[in-house]
Amino acid sequence: MDITLLRTFLAVSATGSFADASQRLFVTQSAVSLRIRRLEDSLGHALFTRSKAGATLTNEGRAFESYATSIMRIWEEARHQIAVPEGFRTTMSIGAQYSLWQRMGFRILDEMRAAAPDVGLRAEMGMPDRLTRMLVEGVVHCAIMFTPILRPGLAVRKLAEDKLVLAASWPDPTLDLEGRYVFVDWGPEFIHAHAQSLPHLTNPGLTMTTGVLTADFISRRHFAAYLPARNLAPYLESGQLHLVPGAPTFPNPTWLVWRESISSELLDLMHGSVDAALARLESETTVVLDKLTVLNHGEFPGTLGGSKSHD
């Protein structure tokens, strides 16, 4: 069976739309329609009910979905095994959101290479929906993300509760940031809490979804933004960024999601490497939070949308 047809079927099933599936697959909507028609002709059954509202699975489509997912998983496992580079005995694929590769994902890769130099590694990037799809289809063995999406066959573990802190590119900053603030979209919970605590900065005219990449942007310009404490140590040490005293923080947990079918060997390698990387990151994060406490005269600032914290 043509794997492309299965991948297209799963994309339409996940999005509920031929148009959305075409955007996800980077093909035209007519190409998606043609692929689904070919698959339906091959199976002898209609898989979707089309309407102006989108596409919903028929009874036959729902029955076929689990088989399509299993076939895709087996295909990806076979592809990984066949593609094992010479000198390596197996491979492991790891996914992470863009903002989590820097200073977390890359360190996990370092730990894995040190612990198992004969395991080939592959790194993937994407947002939670794409990473979840890659997990379900067997493209990656595990993924790190801010908002996990649980599906059958997947397991999840909370890694750490990072703190988002406010930093500016000039010395001795204050909360008077109008005209000099970049709003970073860290998700719906952050947006809601931010609107409660800092309503005057909710719509500054410049919004970014680039996560930690915003640190480099504001460090070269006269701006301030909320950024992960784990990423700020080098910027603070070099004087490129400065913590804003009195600014509330925001907890931003990260999660590890993995396929339950992963081998025990790779599972142990994954957890061991993650623990080692987190231990190093924790010490760096503590340094930043300690500096913030000193700036606030020995008291840790409050939380966006909430009360004071004493972590």
C-alpha atoms as a PDB file:
ATOM      1  CA  MET A   1       0.000   0.000   0.000  1.00  0.00           C
ATOM      2  CA  ASP A   2       1.150   3.532  -0.790  1.00  0.00           C
ATOM      3  CA  ILE A   3       2.386   5.149   2.446  1.00  0.00           C
ATOM      4  CA  THR A   4       1.601   8.595   1.013  1.00  0.00           C
ATOM      5  CA  LEU A   5      -2.082   7.660   0.844  1.00  0.00           C
ATOM      6  CA  LEU A   6      -2.084   6.573   4.484  1.00  0.00           C
ATOM      7  CA  ARG A   7      -0.316   9.730   5.593  1.00  0.00           C
ATOM      8  CA  THR A   8      -2.882  11.809   3.702  1.00  0.00           C
ATOM      9  CA  PHE A   9      -5.767   9.856   5.235  1.00  0.00           C
ATOM     10  CA  LEU A  10      -4.431  10.437   8.752  1.00  0.00           C
ATOM     11  CA  ALA A  11      -3.939  14.149   8.037  1.00  0.00           C
ATOM     12  CA  VAL A  12      -7.561  14.559   6.927  1.00  0.00           C
ATOM     13  CA  SER A  13      -8.734  12.517   9.928  1.00  0.00           C
ATOM     14  CA  ALA A  14      -6.715  14.679  12.344  1.00  0.00           C
ATOM     15  CA  THR A  15      -7.765  18.043  10.880  1.00  0.00           C
ATOM     16  CA  GLY A  16     -11.301  17.204   9.787  1.00  0.00           C
ATOM     17  CA  SER A  17     -10.687  19.139   6.604  1.00  0.00           C
ATOM     18  CA  PHE A  18      -9.256  18.484   3.141  1.00  0.00           C
ATOM     19  CA  ALA A  19      -8.090  22.107   2.995  1.00  0.00           C
ATOM     20  CA  ASP A  20      -6.297  21.968   6.361  1.00  0.00           C
ATOM     21  CA  ALA A  21      -4.756  18.613   5.461  1.00  0.00           C
ATOM     22  CA  SER A  22      -3.388  20.096   2.227  1.00  0.00           C
ATOM     23  CA  GLN A  23      -1.673  22.858   4.219  1.00  0.00           C
ATOM     24  CA  ARG A  24      -0.230  20.353   6.666  1.00  0.00           C
ATOM     25  CA  LEU A  25       1.101  18.164   3.841  1.00  0.00           C
ATOM     26  CA  PHE A  26       2.226  21.095   1.630  1.00  0.00           C
ATOM     27  CA  VAL A  27       0.207  19.891  -1.371  1.00  0.00           C
ATOM     28  CA  THR A  28      -2.865  21.206  -3.160  1.00  0.00           C
ATOM     29  CA  GLN A  29      -6.367  20.383  -1.953  1.00  0.00           C
ATOM     30  CA  SER A  30      -7.053  18.596  -5.240  1.00  0.00           C
ATOM     31  CA  ALA A  31      -4.033  16.344  -4.593  1.00  0.00           C
ATOM     32  CA  VAL A  32      -5.474  15.428  -1.183  1.00  0.00           C
ATOM     33  CA  SER A  33      -8.862  14.656  -2.730  1.00  0.00           C
ATOM     34  CA  LEU A  34      -7.243  12.483  -5.403  1.00  0.00           C
ATOM     35  CA  ARG A  35      -5.231  10.523  -2.839  1.00  0.00           C
ATOM     36  CA  ILE A  36      -8.285   9.870  -0.660  1.00  0.00           C
ATOM     37  CA  ARG A  37     -10.278   8.769  -3.708  1.00  0.00           C
ATOM     38  CA  ARG A  38      -7.512   6.341  -4.673  1.00  0.00           C
ATOM     39  CA  LEU A  39      -7.464   4.926  -1.142  1.00  0.00           C
ATOM     40  CA  GLU A  40     -11.245   4.579  -1.059  1.00  0.00           C
ATOM     41  CA  ASP A  41     -11.217   2.846  -4.453  1.00  0.00           C
ATOM     42  CA  SER A  42      -8.550   0.462  -3.206  1.00  0.00           C
ATOM     43  CA  LEU A  43     -10.539  -0.414  -0.070  1.00  0.00           C
ATOM     44  CA  GLY A  44     -13.933  -0.395  -1.767  1.00  0.00           C
ATOM     45  CA  HIS A  45     -15.475   1.900   0.867  1.00  0.00           C
ATOM     46  CA  ALA A  46     -15.990   5.596   1.452  1.00  0.00           C
ATOM     47  CA  LEU A  47     -13.767   6.746   4.321  1.00  0.00           C
ATOM     48  CA  PHE A  48     -15.080  10.295   4.772  1.00  0.00           C
ATOM     49  CA  THR A  49     -18.404  12.079   4.598  1.00  0.00           C
ATOM     50  CA  ARG A  50     -17.805  15.414   2.867  1.00  0.00           C
ATOM     51  CA  SER A  51     -19.776  18.531   3.731  1.00  0.00           C
ATOM     52  CA  LYS A  52     -19.367  22.304   3.811  1.00  0.00           C
ATOM     53  CA  ALA A  53     -18.314  21.940   7.460  1.00  0.00           C
ATOM     54  CA  GLY A  54     -15.429  19.637   6.555  1.00  0.00           C
ATOM     55  CA  ALA A  55     -14.816  15.892   6.459  1.00  0.00           C
ATOM     56  CA  THR A  56     -15.876  13.331   9.069  1.00  0.00           C
ATOM     57  CA  LEU A  57     -14.954   9.671   9.194  1.00  0.00           C
ATOM     58  CA  THR A  58     -17.503   7.107   8.106  1.00  0.00           C
ATOM     59  CA  ASN A  59     -17.900   3.899  10.119  1.00  0.00           C
ATOM     60  CA  GLU A  60     -15.485   2.245   7.699  1.00  0.00           C
ATOM     61  CA  GLY A  61     -13.109   5.196   8.063  1.00  0.00           C
ATOM     62  CA  ARG A  62     -13.081   4.901  11.867  1.00  0.00           C
ATOM     63  CA  ALA A  63     -12.408   1.176  11.588  1.00  0.00           C
ATOM     64  CA  PHE A  64      -9.563   1.785   9.130  1.00  0.00           C
ATOM     65  CA  GLU A  65      -7.920   4.561  11.184  1.00  0.00           C
ATOM     66  CA  SER A  66      -6.312   2.232  13.747  1.00  0.00           C
ATOM     67  CA  TYR A  67      -4.925   0.028  10.964  1.00  0.00           C
ATOM     68  CA  ALA A  68      -3.531   3.058   9.133  1.00  0.00           C
ATOM     69  CA  THR A  69      -1.829   4.270  12.307  1.00  0.00           C
ATOM     70  CA  SER A  70      -0.330   0.832  12.973  1.00  0.00           C
ATOM     71  CA  ILE A  71       0.943   0.509   9.414  1.00  0.00           C
ATOM     72  CA  MET A  72       2.542   3.948   9.599  1.00  0.00           C
ATOM     73  CA  ARG A  73       4.208   3.058  12.901  1.00  0.00           C
ATOM     74  CA  ILE A  74       5.607  -0.192  11.521  1.00  0.00           C
ATOM     75  CA  TRP A  75       6.785   1.629   8.401  1.00  0.00           C
ATOM     76  CA  GLU A  76       8.649   4.231  10.426  1.00  0.00           C
ATOM     77  CA  GLU A  77      10.232   1.583  12.647  1.00  0.00           C
ATOM     78  CA  ALA A  78      11.414  -0.300   9.563  1.00  0.00           C
ATOM     79  CA  ARG A  79      12.718   2.906   8.019  1.00  0.00           C
ATOM     80  CA  HIS A  80      14.679   3.759  11.160  1.00  0.00           C
ATOM     81  CA  GLN A  81      16.212   0.292  11.395  1.00  0.00           C
ATOM     82  CA  ILE A  82      17.186   0.130   7.728  1.00  0.00           C
ATOM     83  CA  ALA A  83      18.696   3.624   7.977  1.00  0.00           C
ATOM     84  CA  VAL A  84      20.984   2.777  10.915  1.00  0.00           C
ATOM     85  CA  PRO A  85      24.362   4.298   9.930  1.00  0.00           C
ATOM     86  CA  GLU A  86      27.403   2.055   9.667  1.00  0.00           C
ATOM     87  CA  GLY A  87      29.096   1.727  13.050  1.00  0.00           C
ATOM     88  CA  PHE A  88      25.850   2.206  15.003  1.00  0.00           C
ATOM     89  CA  ARG A  89      23.650  -0.594  16.303  1.00  0.00           C
ATOM     90  CA  THR A  90      20.352   1.302  16.451  1.00  0.00           C
ATOM     91  CA  THR A  91      18.876   4.778  16.147  1.00  0.00           C
ATOM     92  CA  MET A  92      16.645   7.017  18.233  1.00  0.00           C
ATOM     93  CA  SER A  93      14.589  10.003  17.080  1.00  0.00           C
ATOM     94  CA  ILE A  94      13.854  12.898  19.423  1.00  0.00           C
ATOM     95  CA  GLY A  95      11.479  15.799  18.836  1.00  0.00           C
ATOM     96  CA  ALA A  96      11.116  19.116  20.645  1.00  0.00           C
ATOM     97  CA  GLN A  97       9.436  22.458  20.253  1.00  0.00           C
ATOM     98  CA  TYR A  98      11.640  25.132  18.744  1.00  0.00           C
ATOM     99  CA  SER A  99      12.068  26.984  22.032  1.00  0.00           C
ATOM    100  CA  LEU A 100      13.089  23.812  23.878  1.00  0.00           C
ATOM    101  CA  TRP A 101      16.002  22.727  21.716  1.00  0.00           C
ATOM    102  CA  GLN A 102      18.236  25.544  22.834  1.00  0.00           C
ATOM    103  CA  ARG A 103      19.831  24.782  26.227  1.00  0.00           C
ATOM    104  CA  MET A 104      17.565  21.774  26.897  1.00  0.00           C
ATOM    105  CA  GLY A 105      17.136  19.539  23.853  1.00  0.00           C
ATOM    106  CA  PHE A 106      20.729  19.913  22.731  1.00  0.00           C
ATOM    107  CA  ARG A 107      21.984  19.042  26.206  1.00  0.00           C
ATOM    108  CA  ILE A 108      19.863  15.914  26.227  1.00  0.00           C
ATOM    109  CA  LEU A 109      21.469  14.930  22.918  1.00  0.00           C
ATOM    110  CA  ASP A 110      24.908  15.512  24.465  1.00  0.00           C
ATOM    111  CA  GLU A 111      24.046  13.254  27.395  1.00  0.00           C
ATOM    112  CA  MET A 112      22.699  10.545  25.098  1.00  0.00           C
ATOM    113  CA  ARG A 113      25.816  10.585  22.924  1.00  0.00           C
ATOM    114  CA  ALA A 114      28.028  10.333  25.993  1.00  0.00           C
ATOM    115  CA  ALA A 115      26.007   7.483  27.515  1.00  0.00           C
ATOM    116  CA  ALA A 116      25.474   5.493  24.296  1.00  0.00           C
ATOM    117  CA  PRO A 117      27.906   6.509  21.528  1.00  0.00           C
ATOM    118  CA  ASP A 118      26.780   3.573  19.373  1.00  0.00           C
ATOM    119  CA  VAL A 119      23.180   4.836  19.152  1.00  0.00           C
ATOM    120  CA  GLY A 120      22.507   7.089  16.170  1.00  0.00           C
ATOM    121  CA  LEU A 121      20.360  10.130  16.973  1.00  0.00           C
ATOM    122  CA  ARG A 122      17.925  12.122  14.871  1.00  0.00           C
ATOM    123  CA  ALA A 123      16.449  15.483  15.955  1.00  0.00           C
ATOM    124  CA  GLU A 124      13.071  16.849  14.831  1.00  0.00           C
ATOM    125  CA  MET A 125      11.301  20.156  15.531  1.00  0.00           C
ATOM    126  CA  GLY A 126       7.662  21.177  15.590  1.00  0.00           C
ATOM    127  CA  MET A 127       4.704  22.439  17.576  1.00  0.00           C
ATOM    128  CA  PRO A 128       2.777  20.074  19.914  1.00  0.00           C
ATOM    129  CA  ASP A 129       0.249  18.920  17.311  1.00  0.00           C
ATOM    130  CA  ARG A 130       2.952  18.039  14.796  1.00  0.00           C
ATOM    131  CA  LEU A 131       5.140  16.362  17.414  1.00  0.00           C
ATOM    132  CA  THR A 132       2.169  14.335  18.667  1.00  0.00           C
ATOM    133  CA  ARG A 133       1.410  13.200  15.135  1.00  0.00           C
ATOM    134  CA  MET A 134       5.037  12.186  14.700  1.00  0.00           C
ATOM    135  CA  LEU A 135       4.886  10.194  17.937  1.00  0.00           C
ATOM    136  CA  VAL A 136       1.698   8.394  16.952  1.00  0.00           C
ATOM    137  CA  GLU A 137       3.038   7.591  13.486  1.00  0.00           C
ATOM    138  CA  GLY A 138       6.381   6.397  14.877  1.00  0.00           C
ATOM    139  CA  VAL A 139       8.483   9.141  13.298  1.00  0.00           C
ATOM    140  CA  VAL A 140       9.958  10.027  16.712  1.00  0.00           C
ATOM    141  CA  HIS A 141      10.403   7.950  19.863  1.00  0.00           C
ATOM    142  CA  CYS A 142       9.992  10.839  22.309  1.00  0.00           C
ATOM    143  CA  ALA A 143       9.319  14.581  22.294  1.00  0.00           C
ATOM    144  CA  ILE A 144       9.691  17.546  24.649  1.00  0.00           C
ATOM    145  CA  MET A 145       6.903  20.122  24.636  1.00  0.00           C
ATOM    146  CA  PHE A 146       5.119  22.734  26.706  1.00  0.00           C
ATOM    147  CA  THR A 147       1.586  21.401  26.149  1.00  0.00           C
ATOM    148  CA  PRO A 148       1.405  17.612  25.835  1.00  0.00           C
ATOM    149  CA  ILE A 149      -1.399  16.055  23.802  1.00  0.00           C
ATOM    150  CA  LEU A 150      -2.093  12.546  25.067  1.00  0.00           C
ATOM    151  CA  ARG A 151      -3.066   9.810  22.663  1.00  0.00           C
ATOM    152  CA  PRO A 152      -3.420   6.037  23.117  1.00  0.00           C
ATOM    153  CA  GLY A 153       0.012   4.425  23.207  1.00  0.00           C
ATOM    154  CA  LEU A 154       1.768   7.529  24.560  1.00  0.00           C
ATOM    155  CA  ALA A 155       3.110   8.183  28.070  1.00  0.00           C
ATOM    156  CA  VAL A 156       3.998  11.514  29.651  1.00  0.00           C
ATOM    157  CA  ARG A 157       6.288  12.827  32.383  1.00  0.00           C
ATOM    158  CA  LYS A 158       6.602  16.341  33.781  1.00  0.00           C
ATOM    159  CA  LEU A 159      10.206  17.460  33.443  1.00  0.00           C
ATOM    160  CA  ALA A 160      10.500  20.810  35.158  1.00  0.00           C
ATOM    161  CA  GLU A 161       8.522  23.925  35.980  1.00  0.00           C
ATOM    162  CA  ASP A 162      10.543  26.662  34.394  1.00  0.00           C
ATOM    163  CA  LYS A 163       9.979  30.276  35.350  1.00  0.00           C
ATOM    164  CA  LEU A 164       9.306  32.978  32.779  1.00  0.00           C
ATOM    165  CA  VAL A 165      10.918  36.193  34.013  1.00  0.00           C
ATOM    166  CA  LEU A 166      10.908  39.728  32.651  1.00  0.00           C
ATOM    167  CA  ALA A 167      14.221  40.965  31.240  1.00  0.00           C
ATOM    168  CA  ALA A 168      15.260  44.170  29.455  1.00  0.00           C
ATOM    169  CA  SER A 169      18.247  45.178  27.347  1.00  0.00           C
ATOM    170  CA  TRP A 170      19.230  48.232  29.434  1.00  0.00           C
ATOM    171  CA  PRO A 171      20.587  48.526  33.002  1.00  0.00           C
ATOM    172  CA  ASP A 172      18.302  49.241  35.969  1.00  0.00           C
ATOM    173  CA  PRO A 173      15.006  48.633  34.149  1.00  0.00           C
ATOM    174  CA  THR A 174      11.609  49.253  35.754  1.00  0.00           C
ATOM    175  CA  LEU A 175       8.052  48.188  34.934  1.00  0.00           C
ATOM    176  CA  ASP A 176       7.582  51.413  32.985  1.00  0.00           C
ATOM    177  CA  LEU A 177       7.938  49.628  29.634  1.00  0.00           C
ATOM    178  CA  GLU A 178       5.360  51.218  27.362  1.00  0.00           C
ATOM    179  CA  GLY A 179       6.827  51.533  23.881  1.00  0.00           C
ATOM    180  CA  ARG A 180       9.717  49.228  24.786  1.00  0.00           C
ATOM    181  CA  TYR A 181       7.970  45.887  25.341  1.00  0.00           C
ATOM    182  CA  VAL A 182       7.689  42.760  23.192  1.00  0.00           C
ATOM    183  CA  PHE A 183       4.785  40.447  23.988  1.00  0.00           C
ATOM    184  CA  VAL A 184       5.875  36.798  23.642  1.00  0.00           C
ATOM    185  CA  ASP A 185       3.008  34.342  23.173  1.00  0.00           C
ATOM    186  CA  TRP A 186       3.749  31.579  25.675  1.00  0.00           C
ATOM    187  CA  GLY A 187       0.289  30.030  25.406  1.00  0.00           C
ATOM    188  CA  PRO A 188      -3.294  30.740  26.570  1.00  0.00           C
ATOM    189  CA  GLU A 189      -2.561  30.443  30.310  1.00  0.00           C
ATOM    190  CA  PHE A 190       0.239  32.992  30.068  1.00  0.00           C
ATOM    191  CA  ILE A 191      -1.887  35.334  27.959  1.00  0.00           C
ATOM    192  CA  HIS A 192      -4.714  35.252  30.513  1.00  0.00           C
ATOM    193  CA  ALA A 193      -2.429  35.761  33.520  1.00  0.00           C
ATOM    194  CA  HIS A 194      -0.517  38.530  31.721  1.00  0.00           C
ATOM    195  CA  ALA A 195      -3.757  40.402  30.958  1.00  0.00           C
ATOM    196  CA  GLN A 196      -4.703  40.244  34.641  1.00  0.00           C
ATOM    197  CA  SER A 197      -1.389  41.449  36.062  1.00  0.00           C
ATOM    198  CA  LEU A 198      -0.020  43.714  33.316  1.00  0.00           C
ATOM    199  CA  PRO A 199      -3.015  44.986  31.323  1.00  0.00           C
ATOM    200  CA  HIS A 200      -1.126  48.082  30.140  1.00  0.00           C
ATOM    201  CA  LEU A 201       1.351  45.817  28.316  1.00  0.00           C
ATOM    202  CA  THR A 202      -1.127  43.336  26.825  1.00  0.00           C
ATOM    203  CA  ASN A 203      -1.122  44.902  23.350  1.00  0.00           C
ATOM    204  CA  PRO A 204       2.254  46.603  22.850  1.00  0.00           C
ATOM    205  CA  GLY A 205       2.111  46.470  19.046  1.00  0.00           C
ATOM    206  CA  LEU A 206       4.843  43.850  18.734  1.00  0.00           C
ATOM    207  CA  THR A 207       4.012  40.191  19.423  1.00  0.00           C
ATOM    208  CA  MET A 208       6.271  37.197  18.843  1.00  0.00           C
ATOM    209  CA  THR A 209       5.804  33.445  18.918  1.00  0.00           C
ATOM    210  CA  THR A 210       9.525  32.762  18.574  1.00  0.00           C
ATOM    211  CA  GLY A 211      10.025  31.854  22.232  1.00  0.00           C
ATOM    212  CA  VAL A 212      13.624  31.907  23.415  1.00  0.00           C
ATOM    213  CA  LEU A 213      14.798  33.359  20.088  1.00  0.00           C
ATOM    214  CA  THR A 214      13.277  36.614  21.339  1.00  0.00           C
ATOM    215  CA  ALA A 215      16.211  36.932  23.779  1.00  0.00           C
ATOM    216  CA  ASP A 216      18.593  37.566  20.905  1.00  0.00           C
ATOM    217  CA  PHE A 217      16.159  40.008  19.328  1.00  0.00           C
ATOM    218  CA  ILE A 218      15.653  42.210  22.393  1.00  0.00           C
ATOM    219  CA  SER A 219      19.315  42.030  23.456  1.00  0.00           C
ATOM    220  CA  ARG A 220      20.222  43.931  20.271  1.00  0.00           C
ATOM    221  CA  ARG A 221      17.408  46.478  20.624  1.00  0.00           C
ATOM    222  CA  HIS A 222      15.834  48.665  23.310  1.00  0.00           C
ATOM    223  CA  PHE A 223      13.164  46.125  24.338  1.00  0.00           C
ATOM    224  CA  ALA A 224      11.995  43.961  27.230  1.00  0.00           C
ATOM    225  CA  ALA A 225      10.190  40.597  27.192  1.00  0.00           C
ATOM    226  CA  TYR A 226       9.270  37.555  29.268  1.00  0.00           C
ATOM    227  CA  LEU A 227      11.818  34.761  28.772  1.00  0.00           C
ATOM    228  CA  PRO A 228      12.691  31.409  30.418  1.00  0.00           C
ATOM    229  CA  ALA A 229      15.034  31.771  33.386  1.00  0.00           C
ATOM    230  CA  ARG A 230      16.993  28.720  32.174  1.00  0.00           C
ATOM    231  CA  ASN A 231      18.072  30.640  29.068  1.00  0.00           C
ATOM    232  CA  LEU A 232      19.042  33.938  30.636  1.00  0.00           C
ATOM    233  CA  ALA A 233      22.276  33.182  32.528  1.00  0.00           C
ATOM    234  CA  PRO A 234      24.649  33.897  29.585  1.00  0.00           C
ATOM    235  CA  TYR A 235      22.797  37.125  28.710  1.00  0.00           C
ATOM    236  CA  LEU A 236      22.901  38.347  32.313  1.00  0.00           C
ATOM    237  CA  GLU A 237      26.577  37.508  32.730  1.00  0.00           C
ATOM    238  CA  SER A 238      27.508  39.376  29.532  1.00  0.00           C
ATOM    239  CA  GLY A 239      25.379  42.374  30.434  1.00  0.00           C
ATOM    240  CA  GLN A 240      23.211  42.017  27.331  1.00  0.00           C
ATOM    241  CA  LEU A 241      20.049  41.618  29.407  1.00  0.00           C
ATOM    242  CA  HIS A 242      18.966  42.733  32.873  1.00  0.00           C
ATOM    243  CA  LEU A 243      16.217  41.409  35.162  1.00  0.00           C
ATOM    244  CA  VAL A 244      13.308  43.747  35.877  1.00  0.00           C
ATOM    245  CA  PRO A 245      12.758  44.015  39.658  1.00  0.00           C
ATOM    246  CA  GLY A 246       9.176  43.812  40.875  1.00  0.00           C
ATOM    247  CA  ALA A 247       7.985  42.004  37.759  1.00  0.00           C
ATOM    248  CA  PRO A 248       5.848  38.924  38.491  1.00  0.00           C
ATOM    249  CA  THR A 249       7.056  35.562  37.170  1.00  0.00           C
ATOM    250  CA  PHE A 250       5.117  32.805  35.450  1.00  0.00           C
ATOM    251  CA  PRO A 251       5.502  29.002  35.853  1.00  0.00           C
ATOM    252  CA  ASN A 252       5.945  27.285  32.490  1.00  0.00           C
ATOM    253  CA  PRO A 253       6.229  23.487  32.841  1.00  0.00           C
ATOM    254  CA  THR A 254       7.869  21.277  30.208  1.00  0.00           C
ATOM    255  CA  TRP A 255       6.845  17.700  29.503  1.00  0.00           C
ATOM    256  CA  LEU A 256       8.408  14.599  28.006  1.00  0.00           C
ATOM    257  CA  VAL A 257       6.111  12.407  25.894  1.00  0.00           C
ATOM    258  CA  TRP A 258       7.170   9.032  24.540  1.00  0.00           C
ATOM    259  CA  ARG A 259       5.778   6.015  22.771  1.00  0.00           C
ATOM    260  CA  GLU A 260       4.973   3.174  25.177  1.00  0.00           C
ATOM    261  CA  SER A 261       6.302   0.693  22.595  1.00  0.00           C
ATOM    262  CA  ILE A 262       9.842   2.073  22.917  1.00  0.00           C
ATOM    263  CA  SER A 263      12.406  -0.571  23.891  1.00  0.00           C
ATOM    264  CA  SER A 264      13.484  -0.722  27.539  1.00  0.00           C
ATOM    265  CA  GLU A 265      17.051   0.082  26.483  1.00  0.00           C
ATOM    266  CA  LEU A 266      16.087   3.302  24.706  1.00  0.00           C
ATOM    267  CA  LEU A 267      13.628   4.171  27.478  1.00  0.00           C
ATOM    268  CA  ASP A 268      16.389   3.962  30.105  1.00  0.00           C
ATOM    269  CA  LEU A 269      18.739   5.967  27.889  1.00  0.00           C
ATOM    270  CA  MET A 270      16.098   8.651  27.399  1.00  0.00           C
ATOM    271  CA  HIS A 271      15.220   9.082  31.081  1.00  0.00           C
ATOM    272  CA  GLY A 272      18.831   8.922  32.249  1.00  0.00           C
ATOM    273  CA  SER A 273      19.936  11.543  29.736  1.00  0.00           C
ATOM    274  CA  VAL A 274      16.997  13.804  30.540  1.00  0.00           C
ATOM    275  CA  ASP A 275      17.728  13.625  34.282  1.00  0.00           C
ATOM    276  CA  ALA A 276      21.390  14.481  33.731  1.00  0.00           C
ATOM    277  CA  ALA A 277      20.560  17.449  31.487  1.00  0.00           C
ATOM    278  CA  LEU A 278      17.921  18.761  33.901  1.00  0.00           C
ATOM    279  CA  ALA A 279      20.354  18.638  36.813  1.00  0.00           C
ATOM    280  CA  ARG A 280      22.696  21.007  34.981  1.00  0.00           C
ATOM    281  CA  LEU A 281      19.881  23.292  33.907  1.00  0.00           C
ATOM    282  CA  GLU A 282      18.485  23.493  37.424  1.00  0.00           C
ATOM    283  CA  SER A 283      21.699  24.975  38.779  1.00  0.00           C
ATOM    284  CA  GLU A 284      21.733  27.646  36.049  1.00  0.00           C
ATOM    285  CA  THR A 285      18.081  28.484  36.622  1.00  0.00           C
ATOM    286  CA  THR A 286      18.677  28.795  40.363  1.00  0.00           C
ATOM    287  CA  VAL A 287      21.412  31.375  39.728  1.00  0.00           C
ATOM    288  CA  VAL A 288      18.971  33.549  37.736  1.00  0.00           C
ATOM    289  CA  LEU A 289      16.166  33.219  40.290  1.00  0.00           C
ATOM    290  CA  ASP A 290      18.558  34.009  43.155  1.00  0.00           C
ATOM    291  CA  LYS A 291      19.565  37.215  41.361  1.00  0.00           C
ATOM    292  CA  LEU A 292      15.909  38.092  40.973  1.00  0.00           C
ATOM    293  CA  THR A 293      15.331  37.548  44.694  1.00  0.00           C
ATOM    294  CA  VAL A 294      18.251  39.845  45.551  1.00  0.00           C
ATOM    295  CA  LEU A 295      16.860  42.540  43.245  1.00  0.00           C
ATOM    296  CA  ASN A 296      13.559  42.282  45.134  1.00  0.00           C
ATOM    297  CA  HIS A 297      15.267  42.817  48.504  1.00  0.00           C
ATOM    298  CA  GLY A 298      15.280  39.151  49.506  1.00  0.00           C
ATOM    299  CA  GLU A 299      11.692  38.365  48.524  1.00  0.00           C
ATOM    300  CA  PHE A 300      10.730  36.336  45.456  1.00  0.00           C
ATOM    301  CA  PRO A 301       8.275  38.280  43.244  1.00  0.00           C
ATOM    302  CA  GLY A 302       4.662  37.332  42.785  1.00  0.00           C
ATOM    303  CA  THR A 303       3.171  35.279  39.970  1.00  0.00           C
ATOM    304  CA  LEU A 304       1.391  36.634  36.913  1.00  0.00           C
ATOM    305  CA  GLY A 305      -2.318  36.453  37.572  1.00  0.00           C
ATOM    306  CA  GLY A 306      -1.771  35.311  41.168  1.00  0.00           C
ATOM    307  CA  SER A 307      -0.184  36.123  44.490  1.00  0.00           C
ATOM    308  CA  LYS A 308       3.380  36.147  45.712  1.00  0.00           C
ATOM    309  CA  SER A 309       5.386  32.939  45.569  1.00  0.00           C
ATOM    310  CA  HIS A 310       8.160  31.805  47.874  1.00  0.00           C
ATOM    311  CA  ASP A 311       9.744  29.063  45.760  1.00  0.00           C
END
